[in-house]
Amino acid sequence: MTRNLLNQMHSHLFGKGELEPVKQAYGVRGDCIEVNCFGVDLTFWTEGDHPGREEYVLSIGNDSRRDYLSLLEAARQIDRRFVVVTKRELPEPLPPNLEVIRGAWDSHELDDSAVRDLYRKASCVVVPLKPGVQPSGQSVTLQAMACGAPVILTHTQGLWEDEFLLHQHNVVLVPPESAGSLVDALNSLFSDNLLWSKLSVNRRLYDRTIYQAP
């Protein structure tokens, strides 16, 4: 039934990583499905005049593909403040250096301006993901990049544009479900000012030429 329906409509996917798996799983014709990569509003998500970076690691998200277990394990090994914005229940006990702010895109705890301020002040943003072909974390990744925050992103099969999201060029990519790799990436970012600056400069070229949302 799904195959018949998909072949009678024109479908858009948000990431290139899921195109072939969807076509193969459902037998969808090539002319019925295409990729329209996710974008953000770059007139709103900006660095601002004085970002005023603070010493905290930020992570945001509520979908089921967020790998907060690995993030919490990494937080236990790094002497730095972590801030997680989510409505999901995180596994107890939480590390003492981790603060949870309850919030979601469809609720009123934090509006977009408050989220933007969190991006602008964060020393970096982590988008930890579980393995999968479906893209996840696009909005957080691109919003954070647009606000000048270096991003550490899990490299899953669903990475939406792997020809533009390049390791240690405009993002730092880590393997799935590896708290140790996340710890190494965070320590490298904190100890290497040149890498931090490189990510900040190169992500501007990326997000302003590729993801101009209407």
N, C-alpha and C. Protein backbone atom coordinates (compact mmCIF):
# COMPACT_ATOMS: atom_id res chain seq x y z
N MET A 1 0.83 -1.20 0.00
CA MET A 1 0.00 0.00 0.00
C MET A 1 0.88 1.26 0.00
N THR A 2 1.95 1.23 0.80
CA THR A 2 2.85 2.38 0.85
C THR A 2 3.51 2.61 -0.50
N ARG A 3 3.94 1.53 -1.15
CA ARG A 3 4.57 1.65 -2.47
C ARG A 3 3.61 2.28 -3.47
N ASN A 4 2.37 1.82 -3.49
CA ASN A 4 1.38 2.36 -4.43
C ASN A 4 1.12 3.84 -4.18
N LEU A 5 1.01 4.20 -2.92
CA LEU A 5 0.75 5.60 -2.58
C LEU A 5 1.93 6.48 -2.97
N LEU A 6 3.16 6.05 -2.64
CA LEU A 6 4.34 6.85 -2.95
C LEU A 6 4.54 7.03 -4.44
N ASN A 7 4.14 6.04 -5.24
CA ASN A 7 4.29 6.14 -6.69
C ASN A 7 3.19 6.96 -7.34
N GLN A 8 2.21 7.40 -6.55
CA GLN A 8 1.15 8.25 -7.08
C GLN A 8 1.28 9.70 -6.59
N MET A 9 2.34 9.98 -5.86
CA MET A 9 2.53 11.32 -5.33
C MET A 9 3.99 11.74 -5.55
N HIS A 10 4.26 13.02 -5.37
CA HIS A 10 5.62 13.52 -5.48
C HIS A 10 6.12 13.80 -4.07
N SER A 11 7.14 13.08 -3.64
CA SER A 11 7.61 13.15 -2.26
C SER A 11 8.95 13.86 -2.17
N HIS A 12 9.14 14.57 -1.06
CA HIS A 12 10.41 15.24 -0.78
C HIS A 12 11.00 14.67 0.49
N LEU A 13 12.30 14.42 0.46
CA LEU A 13 13.04 14.00 1.64
C LEU A 13 13.94 15.14 2.10
N PHE A 14 14.29 15.15 3.39
CA PHE A 14 15.13 16.21 3.93
C PHE A 14 16.62 15.89 3.90
N GLY A 15 17.00 14.68 3.46
CA GLY A 15 18.41 14.33 3.44
C GLY A 15 18.73 13.32 2.37
N LYS A 16 19.93 13.44 1.78
CA LYS A 16 20.33 12.53 0.72
C LYS A 16 20.60 11.12 1.23
N GLY A 17 20.94 11.00 2.52
CA GLY A 17 21.28 9.70 3.07
C GLY A 17 20.14 8.70 3.08
N GLU A 18 18.90 9.18 3.07
CA GLU A 18 17.77 8.26 3.11
C GLU A 18 17.13 8.03 1.74
N LEU A 19 17.63 8.69 0.69
CA LEU A 19 17.00 8.58 -0.62
C LEU A 19 17.02 7.15 -1.14
N GLU A 20 18.21 6.57 -1.27
CA GLU A 20 18.30 5.22 -1.82
C GLU A 20 17.64 4.18 -0.93
N PRO A 21 17.81 4.22 0.42
CA PRO A 21 17.10 3.26 1.26
C PRO A 21 15.58 3.32 1.12
N VAL A 22 15.02 4.52 0.98
CA VAL A 22 13.57 4.65 0.81
C VAL A 22 13.14 4.08 -0.54
N LYS A 23 13.89 4.39 -1.58
CA LYS A 23 13.56 3.88 -2.92
C LYS A 23 13.63 2.35 -2.95
N GLN A 24 14.63 1.79 -2.31
CA GLN A 24 14.80 0.34 -2.30
C GLN A 24 13.75 -0.35 -1.42
N ALA A 25 13.46 0.24 -0.27
CA ALA A 25 12.53 -0.39 0.67
C ALA A 25 11.11 -0.44 0.13
N TYR A 26 10.71 0.62 -0.61
CA TYR A 26 9.32 0.72 -1.06
C TYR A 26 9.15 0.59 -2.56
N GLY A 27 10.25 0.43 -3.30
CA GLY A 27 10.14 0.31 -4.73
C GLY A 27 9.60 1.56 -5.39
N VAL A 28 10.03 2.73 -4.94
CA VAL A 28 9.52 3.99 -5.45
C VAL A 28 10.26 4.37 -6.73
N ARG A 29 9.54 4.84 -7.73
CA ARG A 29 10.15 5.29 -8.97
C ARG A 29 11.00 6.55 -8.73
N GLY A 30 12.08 6.67 -9.50
CA GLY A 30 12.99 7.79 -9.31
C GLY A 30 12.36 9.15 -9.57
N ASP A 31 11.33 9.22 -10.45
CA ASP A 31 10.73 10.51 -10.77
C ASP A 31 9.67 10.92 -9.76
N CYS A 32 9.43 10.09 -8.74
CA CYS A 32 8.40 10.39 -7.75
C CYS A 32 8.97 10.90 -6.43
N ILE A 33 10.28 10.89 -6.30
CA ILE A 33 10.88 11.25 -5.02
C ILE A 33 12.18 12.00 -5.24
N GLU A 34 12.42 13.04 -4.46
CA GLU A 34 13.65 13.80 -4.57
C GLU A 34 14.01 14.39 -3.21
N VAL A 35 15.21 14.92 -3.13
CA VAL A 35 15.71 15.47 -1.88
C VAL A 35 15.63 16.99 -1.92
N ASN A 36 15.06 17.55 -0.88
CA ASN A 36 15.01 19.00 -0.71
C ASN A 36 15.59 19.29 0.67
N CYS A 37 16.90 19.54 0.72
CA CYS A 37 17.59 19.60 2.00
C CYS A 37 17.07 20.72 2.90
N PHE A 38 17.14 20.46 4.18
CA PHE A 38 16.64 21.33 5.22
C PHE A 38 17.38 22.66 5.22
N GLY A 39 16.68 23.75 5.53
CA GLY A 39 17.31 25.06 5.62
C GLY A 39 16.81 25.84 6.81
N VAL A 40 17.52 26.90 7.17
CA VAL A 40 17.12 27.76 8.28
C VAL A 40 17.12 29.22 7.83
N ASP A 41 16.45 30.06 8.59
CA ASP A 41 16.33 31.47 8.28
C ASP A 41 17.58 32.21 8.77
N LEU A 42 18.45 32.59 7.85
CA LEU A 42 19.71 33.21 8.21
C LEU A 42 19.59 34.70 8.51
N THR A 43 18.40 35.24 8.40
CA THR A 43 18.19 36.62 8.86
C THR A 43 17.87 36.65 10.34
N PHE A 44 17.44 35.50 10.90
CA PHE A 44 17.14 35.41 12.34
C PHE A 44 18.27 34.74 13.11
N TRP A 45 18.73 33.59 12.60
CA TRP A 45 19.78 32.84 13.29
C TRP A 45 21.13 33.44 12.91
N THR A 46 21.60 34.38 13.73
CA THR A 46 22.83 35.11 13.47
C THR A 46 23.69 35.14 14.73
N GLU A 47 24.93 35.57 14.56
CA GLU A 47 25.85 35.67 15.70
C GLU A 47 25.48 36.82 16.63
N GLY A 48 24.89 37.87 16.10
CA GLY A 48 24.65 39.05 16.91
C GLY A 48 25.90 39.90 16.98
N ASP A 49 25.77 41.06 17.58
CA ASP A 49 26.89 42.00 17.65
C ASP A 49 27.97 41.55 18.62
N HIS A 50 27.56 41.01 19.77
CA HIS A 50 28.51 40.60 20.80
C HIS A 50 28.07 39.26 21.38
N PRO A 51 28.50 38.15 20.73
CA PRO A 51 28.06 36.84 21.18
C PRO A 51 28.39 36.54 22.64
N GLY A 52 29.56 36.95 23.13
CA GLY A 52 29.89 36.73 24.54
C GLY A 52 29.89 35.26 24.92
N ARG A 53 30.78 34.46 24.28
CA ARG A 53 30.82 33.02 24.53
C ARG A 53 31.06 32.71 26.01
N GLU A 54 30.34 31.71 26.50
CA GLU A 54 30.51 31.23 27.86
C GLU A 54 31.03 29.79 27.81
N GLU A 55 31.48 29.30 28.94
CA GLU A 55 32.12 27.98 28.98
C GLU A 55 31.10 26.89 29.23
N TYR A 56 30.16 26.69 28.32
CA TYR A 56 29.25 25.55 28.45
C TYR A 56 29.03 24.89 27.10
N VAL A 57 28.77 23.59 27.18
CA VAL A 57 28.47 22.77 26.01
C VAL A 57 26.95 22.64 25.92
N LEU A 58 26.40 22.96 24.77
CA LEU A 58 24.95 22.97 24.60
C LEU A 58 24.50 21.81 23.72
N SER A 59 23.38 21.20 24.10
CA SER A 59 22.74 20.18 23.26
C SER A 59 21.24 20.38 23.33
N ILE A 60 20.57 20.31 22.18
CA ILE A 60 19.13 20.58 22.09
C ILE A 60 18.47 19.50 21.25
N GLY A 61 17.30 19.04 21.68
CA GLY A 61 16.55 18.12 20.83
C GLY A 61 15.64 17.18 21.61
N ASN A 62 14.54 16.78 20.96
CA ASN A 62 13.56 15.92 21.59
C ASN A 62 13.25 14.63 20.82
N ASP A 63 13.79 14.50 19.60
CA ASP A 63 13.40 13.33 18.83
C ASP A 63 14.07 12.07 19.37
N SER A 64 13.53 10.93 18.99
CA SER A 64 13.98 9.65 19.54
C SER A 64 15.37 9.25 19.07
N ARG A 65 15.93 9.94 18.09
CA ARG A 65 17.26 9.60 17.59
C ARG A 65 18.37 10.30 18.36
N ARG A 66 18.04 11.13 19.33
CA ARG A 66 19.08 11.76 20.13
C ARG A 66 19.73 10.71 21.05
N ASP A 67 21.05 10.69 21.03
CA ASP A 67 21.80 9.74 21.85
C ASP A 67 22.31 10.44 23.11
N TYR A 68 21.38 10.71 24.03
CA TYR A 68 21.77 11.41 25.25
C TYR A 68 22.57 10.53 26.19
N LEU A 69 22.47 9.22 26.05
CA LEU A 69 23.25 8.32 26.90
C LEU A 69 24.75 8.57 26.69
N SER A 70 25.16 8.67 25.43
CA SER A 70 26.57 8.95 25.14
C SER A 70 26.97 10.34 25.60
N LEU A 71 26.07 11.31 25.44
CA LEU A 71 26.37 12.67 25.87
C LEU A 71 26.58 12.73 27.38
N LEU A 72 25.72 12.06 28.14
CA LEU A 72 25.86 12.06 29.60
C LEU A 72 27.15 11.39 30.03
N GLU A 73 27.51 10.31 29.36
CA GLU A 73 28.77 9.64 29.69
C GLU A 73 29.95 10.56 29.40
N ALA A 74 29.89 11.30 28.31
CA ALA A 74 30.96 12.25 28.00
C ALA A 74 31.02 13.36 29.04
N ALA A 75 29.87 13.84 29.48
CA ALA A 75 29.82 14.92 30.46
C ALA A 75 30.48 14.50 31.78
N ARG A 76 30.37 13.23 32.12
CA ARG A 76 30.98 12.74 33.36
C ARG A 76 32.51 12.77 33.30
N GLN A 77 33.05 12.83 32.09
CA GLN A 77 34.50 12.77 31.92
C GLN A 77 35.14 14.12 31.61
N ILE A 78 34.33 15.16 31.53
CA ILE A 78 34.84 16.48 31.16
C ILE A 78 34.43 17.50 32.22
N ASP A 79 35.40 18.24 32.70
CA ASP A 79 35.16 19.24 33.73
C ASP A 79 34.70 20.54 33.09
N ARG A 80 33.46 20.54 32.65
CA ARG A 80 32.89 21.70 31.99
C ARG A 80 31.37 21.63 32.14
N ARG A 81 30.73 22.76 32.14
CA ARG A 81 29.26 22.81 32.27
C ARG A 81 28.60 22.35 30.98
N PHE A 82 27.56 21.52 31.13
CA PHE A 82 26.75 21.06 30.01
C PHE A 82 25.32 21.55 30.22
N VAL A 83 24.69 22.01 29.14
CA VAL A 83 23.29 22.44 29.18
C VAL A 83 22.53 21.64 28.11
N VAL A 84 21.48 20.95 28.52
CA VAL A 84 20.66 20.16 27.61
C VAL A 84 19.24 20.70 27.62
N VAL A 85 18.74 21.06 26.44
CA VAL A 85 17.36 21.54 26.31
C VAL A 85 16.54 20.41 25.69
N THR A 86 15.65 19.83 26.47
CA THR A 86 14.84 18.72 26.00
C THR A 86 13.66 18.49 26.93
N LYS A 87 12.63 17.82 26.42
CA LYS A 87 11.53 17.35 27.25
C LYS A 87 11.63 15.85 27.51
N ARG A 88 12.62 15.23 26.91
CA ARG A 88 12.80 13.80 27.13
C ARG A 88 13.34 13.53 28.52
N GLU A 89 12.99 12.38 29.06
CA GLU A 89 13.52 11.97 30.35
C GLU A 89 14.91 11.41 30.16
N LEU A 90 15.89 11.98 30.83
CA LEU A 90 17.27 11.52 30.72
C LEU A 90 17.56 10.48 31.79
N PRO A 91 18.44 9.53 31.47
CA PRO A 91 18.74 8.46 32.43
C PRO A 91 19.42 9.00 33.68
N GLU A 92 18.93 8.60 34.83
CA GLU A 92 19.52 8.99 36.11
C GLU A 92 20.64 8.02 36.49
N PRO A 93 21.59 8.47 37.33
CA PRO A 93 21.72 9.83 37.84
C PRO A 93 22.40 10.74 36.82
N LEU A 94 22.02 12.00 36.83
CA LEU A 94 22.63 12.96 35.93
C LEU A 94 23.97 13.42 36.49
N PRO A 95 24.93 13.71 35.63
CA PRO A 95 26.20 14.27 36.11
C PRO A 95 25.96 15.60 36.81
N PRO A 96 26.71 15.91 37.85
CA PRO A 96 26.49 17.17 38.58
C PRO A 96 26.78 18.42 37.75
N ASN A 97 27.56 18.27 36.67
CA ASN A 97 27.89 19.42 35.83
C ASN A 97 26.92 19.60 34.67
N LEU A 98 25.79 18.87 34.69
CA LEU A 98 24.83 18.94 33.59
C LEU A 98 23.51 19.55 34.07
N GLU A 99 23.06 20.57 33.36
CA GLU A 99 21.79 21.26 33.65
C GLU A 99 20.78 20.95 32.55
N VAL A 100 19.56 20.62 32.95
CA VAL A 100 18.50 20.33 31.99
C VAL A 100 17.50 21.47 31.99
N ILE A 101 17.22 21.99 30.80
CA ILE A 101 16.17 22.99 30.62
C ILE A 101 15.04 22.33 29.85
N ARG A 102 13.88 22.28 30.43
CA ARG A 102 12.75 21.63 29.78
C ARG A 102 12.21 22.54 28.69
N GLY A 103 12.20 22.03 27.46
CA GLY A 103 11.71 22.86 26.36
C GLY A 103 11.57 22.04 25.10
N ALA A 104 10.72 22.55 24.17
CA ALA A 104 10.49 21.92 22.87
C ALA A 104 10.04 23.00 21.91
N TRP A 105 10.17 22.71 20.59
CA TRP A 105 9.85 23.71 19.57
C TRP A 105 8.37 24.08 19.58
N ASP A 106 7.50 23.17 20.04
CA ASP A 106 6.06 23.43 20.00
C ASP A 106 5.50 23.83 21.35
N SER A 107 6.35 24.23 22.30
CA SER A 107 5.88 24.66 23.61
C SER A 107 6.39 26.07 23.88
N HIS A 108 6.14 26.56 25.08
CA HIS A 108 6.40 27.99 25.36
C HIS A 108 7.43 28.20 26.46
N GLU A 109 8.16 27.16 26.86
CA GLU A 109 9.18 27.36 27.89
C GLU A 109 10.30 28.28 27.37
N LEU A 110 10.70 28.07 26.12
CA LEU A 110 11.74 28.88 25.48
C LEU A 110 11.25 29.30 24.11
N ASP A 111 11.31 30.59 23.81
CA ASP A 111 10.98 31.00 22.45
C ASP A 111 12.25 30.97 21.61
N ASP A 112 12.13 31.25 20.31
CA ASP A 112 13.28 31.17 19.41
C ASP A 112 14.38 32.15 19.80
N SER A 113 14.01 33.30 20.32
CA SER A 113 15.02 34.28 20.73
C SER A 113 15.86 33.75 21.89
N ALA A 114 15.23 33.05 22.82
CA ALA A 114 15.97 32.47 23.95
C ALA A 114 16.89 31.36 23.48
N VAL A 115 16.42 30.55 22.54
CA VAL A 115 17.26 29.49 21.99
C VAL A 115 18.45 30.09 21.24
N ARG A 116 18.19 31.14 20.50
CA ARG A 116 19.27 31.82 19.77
C ARG A 116 20.33 32.33 20.73
N ASP A 117 19.92 32.88 21.86
CA ASP A 117 20.88 33.36 22.86
C ASP A 117 21.72 32.21 23.41
N LEU A 118 21.09 31.05 23.60
CA LEU A 118 21.85 29.89 24.08
C LEU A 118 22.93 29.50 23.07
N TYR A 119 22.57 29.48 21.77
CA TYR A 119 23.56 29.19 20.73
C TYR A 119 24.70 30.21 20.75
N ARG A 120 24.34 31.47 20.84
CA ARG A 120 25.33 32.53 20.74
C ARG A 120 26.33 32.50 21.89
N LYS A 121 25.90 32.02 23.04
CA LYS A 121 26.77 32.03 24.22
C LYS A 121 27.51 30.72 24.44
N ALA A 122 27.09 29.64 23.76
CA ALA A 122 27.71 28.33 23.98
C ALA A 122 29.12 28.28 23.41
N SER A 123 30.00 27.56 24.09
CA SER A 123 31.34 27.36 23.55
C SER A 123 31.32 26.37 22.40
N CYS A 124 30.36 25.44 22.41
CA CYS A 124 30.12 24.56 21.27
C CYS A 124 28.77 23.89 21.44
N VAL A 125 28.27 23.30 20.36
CA VAL A 125 26.98 22.60 20.37
C VAL A 125 27.21 21.16 19.94
N VAL A 126 26.67 20.22 20.72
CA VAL A 126 26.80 18.79 20.40
C VAL A 126 25.45 18.26 19.95
N VAL A 127 25.44 17.57 18.82
CA VAL A 127 24.23 16.93 18.30
C VAL A 127 24.50 15.42 18.28
N PRO A 128 24.21 14.73 19.40
CA PRO A 128 24.50 13.29 19.47
C PRO A 128 23.34 12.47 18.91
N LEU A 129 23.63 11.58 17.96
CA LEU A 129 22.57 10.85 17.27
C LEU A 129 22.82 9.35 17.31
N LYS A 130 21.73 8.61 17.30
CA LYS A 130 21.80 7.16 17.16
C LYS A 130 21.90 6.81 15.68
N PRO A 131 22.42 5.62 15.36
CA PRO A 131 22.55 5.23 13.96
C PRO A 131 21.19 5.18 13.27
N GLY A 132 21.16 5.51 11.97
CA GLY A 132 19.92 5.45 11.21
C GLY A 132 20.07 6.14 9.87
N VAL A 133 19.17 5.83 8.93
CA VAL A 133 19.22 6.46 7.61
C VAL A 133 18.42 7.75 7.57
N GLN A 134 17.51 7.94 8.51
CA GLN A 134 16.70 9.16 8.51
C GLN A 134 17.53 10.32 9.05
N PRO A 135 17.53 11.46 8.36
CA PRO A 135 18.29 12.61 8.86
C PRO A 135 17.70 13.13 10.16
N SER A 136 18.55 13.58 11.04
CA SER A 136 18.12 14.11 12.33
C SER A 136 19.10 15.18 12.76
N GLY A 137 18.60 16.15 13.49
CA GLY A 137 19.47 17.21 14.02
C GLY A 137 19.77 18.33 13.07
N GLN A 138 19.04 18.39 11.92
CA GLN A 138 19.36 19.43 10.94
C GLN A 138 19.14 20.83 11.49
N SER A 139 17.99 21.05 12.13
CA SER A 139 17.68 22.41 12.58
C SER A 139 18.68 22.88 13.62
N VAL A 140 19.00 22.04 14.59
CA VAL A 140 19.95 22.43 15.63
C VAL A 140 21.33 22.68 15.03
N THR A 141 21.78 21.79 14.16
CA THR A 141 23.10 21.95 13.55
C THR A 141 23.20 23.24 12.77
N LEU A 142 22.24 23.50 11.91
CA LEU A 142 22.32 24.69 11.05
C LEU A 142 22.07 25.97 11.81
N GLN A 143 21.16 25.94 12.78
CA GLN A 143 20.93 27.12 13.61
C GLN A 143 22.18 27.48 14.41
N ALA A 144 22.81 26.47 15.00
CA ALA A 144 24.02 26.70 15.78
C ALA A 144 25.14 27.25 14.90
N MET A 145 25.31 26.66 13.71
CA MET A 145 26.34 27.15 12.79
C MET A 145 26.08 28.60 12.42
N ALA A 146 24.82 28.92 12.15
CA ALA A 146 24.48 30.29 11.76
C ALA A 146 24.74 31.27 12.90
N CYS A 147 24.67 30.79 14.15
CA CYS A 147 24.91 31.65 15.30
C CYS A 147 26.37 31.64 15.74
N GLY A 148 27.22 31.00 14.96
CA GLY A 148 28.65 31.05 15.21
C GLY A 148 29.20 30.03 16.16
N ALA A 149 28.41 29.04 16.55
CA ALA A 149 28.88 28.03 17.50
C ALA A 149 29.46 26.83 16.74
N PRO A 150 30.67 26.39 17.07
CA PRO A 150 31.18 25.15 16.49
C PRO A 150 30.28 23.98 16.84
N VAL A 151 30.11 23.04 15.92
CA VAL A 151 29.19 21.93 16.10
C VAL A 151 29.92 20.60 16.03
N ILE A 152 29.63 19.74 17.01
CA ILE A 152 30.07 18.35 16.98
C ILE A 152 28.84 17.51 16.67
N LEU A 153 28.89 16.76 15.57
CA LEU A 153 27.72 16.06 15.05
C LEU A 153 28.05 14.59 14.83
N THR A 154 27.12 13.70 15.22
CA THR A 154 27.31 12.28 14.95
C THR A 154 27.17 12.00 13.47
N HIS A 155 28.12 11.27 12.91
CA HIS A 155 28.10 10.92 11.49
C HIS A 155 27.32 9.63 11.31
N THR A 156 26.05 9.75 10.99
CA THR A 156 25.20 8.60 10.71
C THR A 156 25.01 8.45 9.21
N GLN A 157 24.39 7.34 8.82
CA GLN A 157 24.09 7.13 7.39
C GLN A 157 23.12 8.20 6.88
N GLY A 158 22.33 8.76 7.78
CA GLY A 158 21.35 9.77 7.40
C GLY A 158 21.90 11.18 7.32
N LEU A 159 23.22 11.35 7.43
CA LEU A 159 23.80 12.68 7.28
C LEU A 159 23.30 13.31 5.97
N TRP A 160 22.66 14.47 6.09
CA TRP A 160 21.86 14.95 4.97
C TRP A 160 22.66 15.43 3.77
N GLU A 161 23.87 15.97 3.97
CA GLU A 161 24.72 16.35 2.83
C GLU A 161 26.17 16.15 3.20
N ASP A 162 26.65 14.92 3.02
CA ASP A 162 28.01 14.63 3.48
C ASP A 162 29.08 15.24 2.58
N GLU A 163 28.71 15.76 1.42
CA GLU A 163 29.71 16.43 0.59
C GLU A 163 29.97 17.86 1.06
N PHE A 164 29.10 18.40 1.91
CA PHE A 164 29.28 19.76 2.42
C PHE A 164 29.60 19.78 3.92
N LEU A 165 29.11 18.82 4.67
CA LEU A 165 29.42 18.74 6.10
C LEU A 165 30.72 17.95 6.25
N LEU A 166 31.82 18.66 6.37
CA LEU A 166 33.15 18.06 6.30
C LEU A 166 33.85 18.10 7.66
N HIS A 167 34.39 16.95 8.04
CA HIS A 167 35.04 16.80 9.33
C HIS A 167 36.21 17.76 9.48
N GLN A 168 36.19 18.52 10.59
CA GLN A 168 37.22 19.49 10.95
C GLN A 168 37.40 20.58 9.91
N HIS A 169 36.38 20.76 9.08
CA HIS A 169 36.38 21.89 8.14
C HIS A 169 35.28 22.87 8.53
N ASN A 170 34.05 22.40 8.62
CA ASN A 170 32.98 23.26 9.14
C ASN A 170 32.20 22.61 10.29
N VAL A 171 32.43 21.31 10.52
CA VAL A 171 31.88 20.61 11.70
C VAL A 171 32.93 19.60 12.17
N VAL A 172 32.68 19.05 13.36
CA VAL A 172 33.45 17.90 13.82
C VAL A 172 32.51 16.71 13.84
N LEU A 173 32.86 15.66 13.09
CA LEU A 173 32.02 14.47 12.99
C LEU A 173 32.58 13.36 13.87
N VAL A 174 31.69 12.69 14.60
CA VAL A 174 32.09 11.59 15.47
C VAL A 174 31.24 10.36 15.14
N PRO A 175 31.76 9.15 15.38
CA PRO A 175 30.99 7.94 15.09
C PRO A 175 29.82 7.78 16.05
N PRO A 176 28.79 7.01 15.66
CA PRO A 176 27.62 6.82 16.53
C PRO A 176 27.96 6.03 17.79
N GLU A 177 27.24 6.36 18.86
CA GLU A 177 27.24 5.61 20.12
C GLU A 177 28.66 5.40 20.65
N SER A 178 29.46 6.44 20.61
CA SER A 178 30.83 6.38 21.09
C SER A 178 31.11 7.57 22.00
N ALA A 179 30.90 7.37 23.29
CA ALA A 179 31.15 8.45 24.25
C ALA A 179 32.62 8.83 24.24
N GLY A 180 33.52 7.84 24.05
CA GLY A 180 34.94 8.13 24.02
C GLY A 180 35.31 9.06 22.89
N SER A 181 34.74 8.84 21.70
CA SER A 181 35.01 9.73 20.56
C SER A 181 34.47 11.12 20.81
N LEU A 182 33.34 11.20 21.48
CA LEU A 182 32.77 12.50 21.82
C LEU A 182 33.66 13.25 22.80
N VAL A 183 34.18 12.53 23.79
CA VAL A 183 35.11 13.14 24.74
C VAL A 183 36.35 13.66 24.01
N ASP A 184 36.92 12.84 23.13
CA ASP A 184 38.11 13.26 22.38
C ASP A 184 37.82 14.49 21.53
N ALA A 185 36.64 14.52 20.89
CA ALA A 185 36.29 15.66 20.04
C ALA A 185 36.14 16.94 20.86
N LEU A 186 35.51 16.83 22.02
CA LEU A 186 35.34 18.00 22.88
C LEU A 186 36.68 18.49 23.40
N ASN A 187 37.52 17.59 23.86
CA ASN A 187 38.84 18.00 24.37
C ASN A 187 39.68 18.64 23.27
N SER A 188 39.60 18.09 22.05
CA SER A 188 40.35 18.68 20.94
C SER A 188 39.87 20.08 20.63
N LEU A 189 38.56 20.26 20.65
CA LEU A 189 38.00 21.57 20.34
C LEU A 189 38.38 22.60 21.41
N PHE A 190 38.37 22.18 22.67
CA PHE A 190 38.68 23.11 23.75
C PHE A 190 40.17 23.46 23.81
N SER A 191 41.02 22.57 23.33
CA SER A 191 42.46 22.79 23.44
C SER A 191 43.08 23.36 22.17
N ASP A 192 42.30 23.43 21.10
CA ASP A 192 42.84 23.86 19.81
C ASP A 192 42.09 25.11 19.34
N ASN A 193 42.65 26.27 19.64
CA ASN A 193 42.01 27.52 19.24
C ASN A 193 41.94 27.68 17.73
N LEU A 194 42.94 27.14 17.03
CA LEU A 194 42.93 27.24 15.57
C LEU A 194 41.77 26.44 14.97
N LEU A 195 41.51 25.25 15.52
CA LEU A 195 40.38 24.45 15.04
C LEU A 195 39.08 25.16 15.33
N TRP A 196 38.93 25.71 16.53
CA TRP A 196 37.70 26.43 16.90
C TRP A 196 37.46 27.57 15.90
N SER A 197 38.52 28.36 15.62
CA SER A 197 38.39 29.49 14.70
C SER A 197 38.08 29.02 13.29
N LYS A 198 38.72 27.93 12.86
CA LYS A 198 38.50 27.41 11.52
C LYS A 198 37.04 26.99 11.34
N LEU A 199 36.49 26.30 12.32
CA LEU A 199 35.09 25.88 12.24
C LEU A 199 34.17 27.09 12.18
N SER A 200 34.48 28.10 12.98
CA SER A 200 33.63 29.29 13.03
C SER A 200 33.64 30.03 11.70
N VAL A 201 34.82 30.14 11.06
CA VAL A 201 34.92 30.85 9.78
C VAL A 201 34.29 30.03 8.65
N ASN A 202 34.63 28.77 8.57
CA ASN A 202 34.17 27.95 7.44
C ASN A 202 32.69 27.66 7.48
N ARG A 203 32.10 27.60 8.64
CA ARG A 203 30.67 27.31 8.68
C ARG A 203 29.87 28.49 8.09
N ARG A 204 30.41 29.71 8.15
CA ARG A 204 29.69 30.85 7.57
C ARG A 204 29.58 30.70 6.06
N LEU A 205 30.66 30.28 5.42
CA LEU A 205 30.63 30.04 3.98
C LEU A 205 29.61 28.97 3.64
N TYR A 206 29.57 27.93 4.47
CA TYR A 206 28.63 26.81 4.23
C TYR A 206 27.19 27.25 4.39
N ASP A 207 26.84 27.81 5.54
CA ASP A 207 25.42 28.03 5.78
C ASP A 207 24.85 29.20 4.98
N ARG A 208 25.68 30.12 4.52
CA ARG A 208 25.15 31.25 3.76
C ARG A 208 25.09 31.00 2.26
N THR A 209 25.70 29.94 1.79
CA THR A 209 25.64 29.64 0.36
C THR A 209 24.80 28.42 0.06
N ILE A 210 24.61 27.53 1.02
CA ILE A 210 23.90 26.29 0.77
C ILE A 210 22.48 26.32 1.34
N TYR A 211 22.30 26.91 2.52
CA TYR A 211 21.02 26.78 3.20
C TYR A 211 20.35 28.12 3.42
N GLN A 212 20.04 28.80 2.34
CA GLN A 212 19.27 30.04 2.43
C GLN A 212 17.78 29.67 2.37
N ALA A 213 17.18 29.55 3.53
CA ALA A 213 15.75 29.21 3.59
C ALA A 213 14.93 30.43 3.18
N PRO A 214 13.79 30.25 2.53
CA PRO A 214 12.96 31.38 2.12
C PRO A 214 12.33 32.06 3.32
